[in-house]
Each structure stands twice: as C-alpha cells, then as structure tokens.
C-alpha cells in the first residue's frame, strides 16, 4: 500500500528539469482535492491532472 500519491510531474529548475512526486495521501483526488503538491527545496510545486 502506498503512503503517498503516485502522481509525478517534471518541473523546471535552474539546473534542468526535475521529477517531483506528490506528497499528499493516495486518495486525495477521489476525496475531492484535485491539486497535487510537492516541494523543491523550499519552493512549492502544485499541479492538477490533465483532463
């Protein structure tokens, strides 16, 4: 069983693209929270799934 969401996104950084993974619980999208969230250092990265 996963303890965090499996959503992954490439986000641009000063040194190139970096793959980040959502840190929310696995069922947050089905519970009505469509926004995934991760951090690159102190910077938040937020995205939604493409529809």
Protein backbone atom coordinates (compact mmCIF):
# COMPACT_ATOMS: atom_id res chain seq x y z
CA UNK A 1 0.00 0.00 0.00
CA UNK A 2 1.35 3.41 -0.97
CA UNK A 3 1.55 6.07 1.74
CA UNK A 4 1.72 8.98 -0.73
CA UNK A 5 0.09 9.76 -4.05
CA UNK A 6 1.75 8.24 -7.13
CA UNK A 7 1.41 11.40 -9.29
CA UNK A 8 4.70 12.62 -10.77
CA UNK A 9 5.50 15.86 -12.63
CA UNK A 10 8.56 17.28 -14.37
CA UNK A 11 9.21 20.79 -13.13
CA UNK A 12 11.81 23.22 -14.46
CA UNK A 13 14.66 24.30 -12.18
CA UNK A 14 17.75 26.43 -12.70
CA UNK A 15 19.81 23.28 -13.34
CA UNK A 16 17.30 21.48 -15.58
CA UNK A 17 14.04 19.57 -15.26
CA UNK A 18 13.44 17.67 -12.04
CA UNK A 19 10.91 14.91 -11.43
CA UNK A 20 8.83 15.52 -8.29
CA UNK A 21 6.24 13.25 -6.66
CA UNK A 22 3.06 14.35 -4.89
CA UNK A 23 3.38 14.15 -1.10
CA UNK A 24 -0.35 14.02 -0.31
CA UNK A 25 -2.19 10.85 0.72
CA UNK A 26 -3.05 8.40 -2.09
CA UNK A 27 -6.82 9.06 -2.12
CA UNK A 28 -6.81 12.87 -2.11
CA UNK A 29 -8.08 13.19 -5.72
CA UNK A 30 -11.01 10.83 -5.20
CA UNK A 31 -11.79 12.64 -1.94
CA UNK A 32 -12.29 15.89 -3.87
CA UNK A 33 -8.84 17.51 -3.68
CA UNK A 34 -7.60 17.66 -7.31
CA UNK A 35 -4.37 19.58 -6.58
CA UNK A 36 -1.15 17.56 -6.28
CA UNK A 37 1.64 19.10 -4.21
CA UNK A 38 5.40 18.60 -3.85
CA UNK A 39 8.42 20.70 -2.83
CA UNK A 40 11.71 21.50 -4.49
CA UNK A 41 13.73 22.76 -1.56
CA UNK A 42 11.56 25.46 -0.01
CA UNK A 43 9.57 26.05 -3.21
CA UNK A 44 6.09 24.52 -3.53
CA UNK A 45 5.11 22.78 -6.76
CA UNK A 46 1.37 22.35 -7.38
CA UNK A 47 -0.44 20.82 -10.34
CA UNK A 48 -3.63 19.06 -11.39
CA UNK A 49 -4.06 16.09 -13.69
CA UNK A 50 -4.65 16.91 -17.35
CA UNK A 51 -8.19 16.13 -18.44
